[in-house]
Protein backbone atom coordinates (compact mmCIF):
# COMPACT_ATOMS: atom_id res chain seq x y z
CA MET A 1 127.23 174.00 155.22
CA LYS A 2 128.54 171.42 152.72
CA LYS A 3 126.53 173.07 149.95
CA LEU A 4 128.69 176.18 150.32
CA ILE A 5 132.05 174.39 149.94
CA LEU A 6 132.10 174.11 146.11
CA PRO A 7 131.06 177.73 145.39
CA LEU A 8 133.57 178.96 147.95
CA MET A 9 136.38 176.91 146.33
CA ILE A 10 135.55 178.35 142.90
CA LEU A 11 135.60 181.89 144.31
CA PHE A 12 138.89 181.17 146.08
CA LEU A 13 140.58 179.81 142.92
CA ALA A 14 139.29 182.72 140.86
CA GLY A 15 140.63 185.14 143.44
CA CYS A 16 144.06 183.49 143.26
CA GLY A 17 144.28 184.28 139.54
CA VAL A 18 144.17 180.68 138.27
CA GLU A 19 144.30 180.83 134.45
CA GLU A 20 141.79 179.23 132.18
CA ILE A 21 142.62 175.74 131.00
CA VAL A 22 144.76 176.01 127.83
CA GLN A 23 143.16 174.17 124.97
CA PRO A 24 145.38 171.69 123.10
CA GLU A 25 147.03 173.23 120.05
CA TYR A 26 146.95 171.78 116.58
CA LEU A 27 149.24 172.65 113.67
CA ASN A 28 149.02 171.28 110.16
CA ALA A 29 152.12 169.26 109.31
CA PRO A 30 154.28 170.24 106.30
CA SER A 31 154.05 167.90 103.32
CA ASN A 32 155.85 166.84 100.15
CA LEU A 33 159.32 167.49 101.58
CA LYS A 34 162.04 167.21 98.91
CA ALA A 35 165.82 167.60 99.11
CA TYR A 36 168.17 168.87 96.39
CA PRO A 37 171.93 168.31 96.76
CA GLY A 38 174.39 171.16 96.34
CA ASN A 39 178.08 171.71 96.90
CA GLY A 40 178.32 171.69 100.70
CA THR A 41 174.70 172.73 100.89
CA ILE A 42 171.20 171.26 100.58
CA ARG A 43 168.04 172.94 99.36
CA LEU A 44 164.77 171.78 100.92
CA GLU A 45 161.36 172.28 99.36
CA PHE A 46 157.98 171.61 101.00
CA LEU A 47 154.32 172.62 101.12
CA SER A 48 152.48 174.19 104.05
CA ASN A 49 148.85 174.84 104.93
CA ASN A 50 149.44 176.67 108.23
CA LYS A 51 146.87 179.38 109.00
CA GLU A 52 146.84 178.86 112.79
CA ASP A 53 146.97 181.99 114.98
CA LYS A 54 149.99 180.90 117.00
CA PHE A 55 151.97 179.47 114.09
CA ASP A 56 155.40 181.15 113.76
CA GLY A 57 157.47 178.99 111.40
CA PHE A 58 159.08 175.60 110.87
CA ASN A 59 161.73 173.44 112.51
CA ILE A 60 164.08 171.47 110.26
CA TYR A 61 165.55 168.27 111.70
CA ILE A 62 168.63 166.65 110.19
CA SER A 63 170.42 163.38 110.89
CA LYS A 64 173.01 161.09 109.31
CA SER A 65 170.72 158.13 109.99
CA SER A 66 167.16 157.47 108.85
CA SER A 67 163.94 157.13 110.88
CA LEU A 68 164.11 160.63 112.37
CA LYS A 69 160.63 160.25 113.87
CA SER A 70 162.06 157.79 116.40
CA GLN A 71 165.01 160.04 117.34
CA SER A 72 163.26 161.80 120.21
CA SER A 73 166.31 163.70 121.46
CA LEU A 74 167.11 165.22 118.05
CA LEU A 75 167.34 169.03 118.18
CA PRO A 76 166.28 171.21 115.25
CA VAL A 77 168.64 173.18 113.04
CA GLN A 78 169.12 176.67 114.48
CA ASN A 79 167.85 179.76 112.72
CA PRO A 80 170.93 181.24 110.98
CA SER A 81 169.95 184.80 111.97
CA THR A 82 168.70 184.37 115.55
CA GLY A 83 170.59 181.25 116.62
CA GLY A 84 167.32 179.92 118.04
CA ILE A 85 164.12 178.32 116.83
CA PRO A 86 162.12 178.01 114.69
CA THR A 87 164.61 177.22 111.96
CA ILE A 88 162.47 179.15 109.47
CA VAL A 89 160.48 182.14 110.73
CA LYS A 90 157.13 182.52 108.97
CA THR A 91 153.69 183.94 109.68
CA SER A 92 150.36 182.52 108.58
CA LYS A 93 149.93 185.52 106.23
CA GLU A 94 153.04 184.41 104.33
CA ILE A 95 151.74 180.90 103.68
CA ASN A 96 150.30 180.02 100.28
CA PRO A 97 149.22 176.35 100.19
CA ASP A 98 149.69 176.32 96.41
CA SER A 99 153.32 177.50 96.46
CA SER A 100 156.39 175.64 97.67
CA LEU A 101 158.62 176.98 100.41
CA PHE A 102 162.41 176.73 100.05
CA VAL A 103 165.31 176.84 102.50
CA GLU A 104 169.06 176.38 102.01
CA ILE A 105 170.81 174.33 104.71
CA ASN A 106 174.61 174.56 104.99
CA ARG A 107 175.03 173.64 108.67
CA ASP A 108 173.59 170.77 110.72
CA ASN A 109 171.84 170.82 114.11
CA GLU A 110 175.23 170.94 115.86
CA ASP A 111 176.20 173.97 113.75
CA LYS A 112 178.73 171.90 111.81
CA PRO A 113 179.16 172.45 108.05
CA ILE A 114 177.30 170.18 105.65
CA GLU A 115 179.82 167.87 103.95
CA ASN A 116 179.90 166.48 100.44
CA GLY A 117 179.69 162.70 100.12
CA ILE A 118 177.61 162.22 103.30
CA THR A 119 173.93 161.26 103.14
CA TYR A 120 171.66 163.44 105.29
CA TYR A 121 168.05 162.71 106.27
CA PHE A 122 165.40 165.36 106.97
CA ILE A 123 161.96 165.96 108.41
CA CYS A 124 160.12 169.24 108.97
CA ARG A 125 157.58 170.29 111.64
CA ALA A 126 155.42 173.40 111.92
CA HIS A 127 156.13 175.42 115.10
CA SER A 128 154.06 177.72 117.34
CA ILE A 129 154.91 180.63 119.67
CA ARG A 130 154.26 178.25 122.59
CA ASN A 131 156.90 175.84 121.26
CA PHE A 132 154.25 173.37 120.14
CA LYS A 133 155.27 171.25 117.15
CA SER A 134 153.15 169.58 114.49
CA GLU A 135 153.45 165.99 113.43
CA PRO A 136 156.49 165.50 111.17
CA SER A 137 156.46 165.75 107.41
CA ASN A 138 157.54 162.84 105.27
CA GLU A 139 161.22 161.95 105.59
CA THR A 140 163.58 162.63 102.70
CA SER A 141 167.32 162.41 102.12
CA THR A 142 170.10 163.51 99.80
CA THR A 143 173.89 163.48 99.47
CA PRO A 144 175.69 166.76 98.69
CA ARG A 145 178.24 166.54 95.89
CA ILE A 146 180.97 168.44 94.08
CA GLU A 147 179.91 170.99 91.49
CA SER A 148 181.29 173.91 89.53
CA THR A 149 179.15 176.81 88.40
CA ALA A 150 182.16 178.40 86.72
CA SER A 151 181.44 177.88 83.02
CA VAL A 152 183.56 175.43 81.03
CA VAL A 153 183.91 176.10 77.31
CA LEU A 154 184.56 173.32 74.81
CA ASN A 155 185.33 173.78 71.16
CA THR A 156 184.70 171.13 68.52
CA ASN A 157 186.23 167.73 69.33
CA GLU A 158 187.31 168.86 72.80
CA GLY A 159 186.27 166.91 75.89
CA PHE A 160 186.00 166.91 79.66
CA SER A 161 187.22 164.52 82.36
CA PHE A 162 185.43 163.93 85.67
CA THR A 163 188.60 162.33 86.99
CA ALA A 164 190.68 165.49 86.63
CA PHE A 165 187.67 167.89 86.57
CA SER A 166 189.26 169.54 83.57
CA GLN A 167 189.61 169.45 79.80
CA SER A 168 192.34 166.82 80.05
CA ALA A 169 192.34 163.38 78.48
CA PRO A 170 191.20 160.69 78.98
CA PHE A 171 187.79 162.25 78.38
CA ASP A 172 184.41 161.15 79.73
CA PHE A 173 182.65 162.92 76.86
CA ILE A 174 183.45 165.06 73.83
CA PHE A 175 181.62 167.87 72.01
CA THR A 176 181.16 167.66 68.25
CA VAL A 177 179.19 169.47 65.55
CA GLN A 178 177.73 167.82 62.47
CA ASP A 179 176.59 169.76 59.43
CA VAL A 180 173.83 167.55 58.05
CA SER A 181 170.94 169.70 56.78
CA GLY A 182 172.02 172.39 59.22
CA LYS A 183 174.56 172.41 62.02
CA LYS A 184 173.69 170.35 65.07
CA ALA A 185 175.55 169.81 68.36
CA PHE A 186 176.29 166.39 69.82
CA LEU A 187 177.86 164.90 72.94
CA THR A 188 179.46 161.48 72.88
CA GLY A 189 180.43 159.37 75.88
CA LYS A 190 184.04 158.19 75.81
CA ASN A 191 186.07 155.55 77.68
CA ASN A 192 182.97 153.53 78.65
CA THR A 193 181.07 156.53 80.02
CA GLN A 194 177.34 156.22 79.32
CA ILE A 195 175.24 159.30 78.55
CA GLN A 196 171.57 160.36 78.64
CA SER A 197 169.66 163.56 77.85
CA LYS A 198 166.93 164.75 80.24
CA GLY A 199 165.88 167.48 77.82
CA TYR A 200 165.27 171.14 78.58
CA TYR A 201 165.09 172.55 82.14
CA ASP A 202 164.93 176.17 83.27
CA ASP A 203 166.71 175.15 86.50
CA TRP A 204 169.19 172.27 86.47
CA LYS A 205 168.67 171.71 90.23
CA LYS A 206 165.27 170.23 89.42
CA VAL A 207 167.12 167.11 88.22
CA ASN A 208 168.22 166.01 91.70
CA LYS A 209 168.56 162.26 91.08
CA ALA A 210 170.18 160.38 88.23
CA ASP A 211 168.37 157.61 86.42
CA THR A 212 169.88 154.16 86.81
CA GLU A 213 168.76 153.05 83.33
CA GLY A 214 168.17 154.57 79.91
CA TYR A 215 171.75 155.52 79.03
CA LEU A 216 173.37 155.24 75.63
CA MET A 217 176.54 153.21 75.54
CA SER A 218 179.91 154.86 75.04
CA GLU A 219 180.72 156.14 71.52
CA ILE A 220 177.05 156.75 70.60
CA PRO A 221 176.38 160.51 70.14
CA ILE A 222 173.26 162.31 71.35
CA GLN A 223 172.01 165.63 70.00
CA VAL A 224 171.94 168.47 72.56
CA GLN A 225 170.58 172.01 72.77
CA GLN A 226 170.92 175.02 75.03
CA GLY A 227 169.20 174.47 78.38
CA TYR A 228 169.55 170.68 78.26
CA VAL A 229 170.50 168.66 81.34
CA ILE A 230 172.75 165.71 80.47
CA LEU A 231 173.33 162.75 82.81
CA LEU A 232 176.48 160.65 82.69
CA LYS A 233 177.51 157.37 84.31
CA THR A 234 181.27 156.91 84.28
CA SER A 235 183.10 153.63 83.87
CA SER A 236 183.85 153.72 87.62
CA GLY A 237 180.13 153.87 88.48
CA HIS A 238 179.99 157.55 89.43
CA TYR A 239 177.04 159.72 88.33
CA ALA A 240 177.46 163.24 86.99
CA LYS A 241 175.39 165.87 85.23
CA ILE A 242 176.06 168.90 83.08
CA TYR A 243 173.86 171.86 82.17
CA ILE A 244 174.35 173.41 78.75
CA GLU A 245 174.29 177.17 79.25
CA SER A 246 174.87 178.11 75.62
CA LEU A 247 175.73 176.74 72.19
CA ASP A 248 177.52 178.60 69.42
CA LEU A 249 177.21 176.84 66.06
CA SER A 250 178.91 179.53 64.01
CA SER A 251 182.16 179.07 62.08
CA ASP A 252 183.97 178.39 65.39
CA PRO A 253 181.48 176.22 67.33
CA ALA A 254 181.61 176.14 71.13
CA MET A 255 179.58 174.82 74.06
CA ARG A 256 179.43 176.46 77.51
CA PHE A 257 178.35 174.29 80.46
CA ILE A 258 178.44 173.79 84.23
CA TRP A 259 178.74 170.43 85.99
CA ALA A 260 178.13 168.36 89.14
CA PHE A 261 179.74 165.08 90.19
CA GLN A 262 178.71 162.62 92.91
CA GLN A 263 181.84 161.28 94.62
CA LEU A 264 180.09 158.23 96.14
CA VAL A 265 180.09 155.30 93.72
CA GLY A 266 176.54 154.26 92.82
CA ASN A 267 174.90 157.20 94.63
CA ILE A 268 172.29 158.81 92.35
CA ASP A 269 171.95 162.14 94.21
CA ILE A 270 173.14 164.63 91.65
């Protein structure tokens, strides 16, 4: 009689519709997470290798303190379209392990606006349709800052002030043109502002952190060209950058640029 107990129990459980044991899920974790500061916004970039069947996107986690992996109660940023999760909806067919993914964040996990001058920390996890999450990516951080993408135009010997955010003296730098074996454009730091050229960039956002060394002292000019990103360190210890959109070296020379300014003294997120 005892020999019949086990087969009968199996038949009974099968008849009750007991589901098969669900195998543990595994999702590849995102990698190489980077943060780029904006004006009340942050752009995140990362890599993914998610080809799992049940993968459906990524959760972004944000905090004003570091060590997010230990903040177990931290909720992800909501999807701006659905108001739910995952933060970023993706399918495995949309994933190219050789191409970066980007997302713009302008609200935190409590749906509050991102603020300039506050340092935010981030991690990212892959997400599945069963609400399974991968291990976290690396942690990164950045501090949004003031910027203006409305072009400023300077003529020869005119300057710009990061105190007034205008073409009003006292200047932090001036624009000049020298005609030595052909006209060339120069920027010169003024009033103890130090200056450095990062060279040509097709996207000024790629320069997301200022160098702490390598600047020329005030009053020493540097040659500049269209497409150059220029870093500045003011006498008050603030970091700024400008992007030269165009240069006109004709009979009435002019330089057109946009700028960003970090309001926290000593903070290199730019």
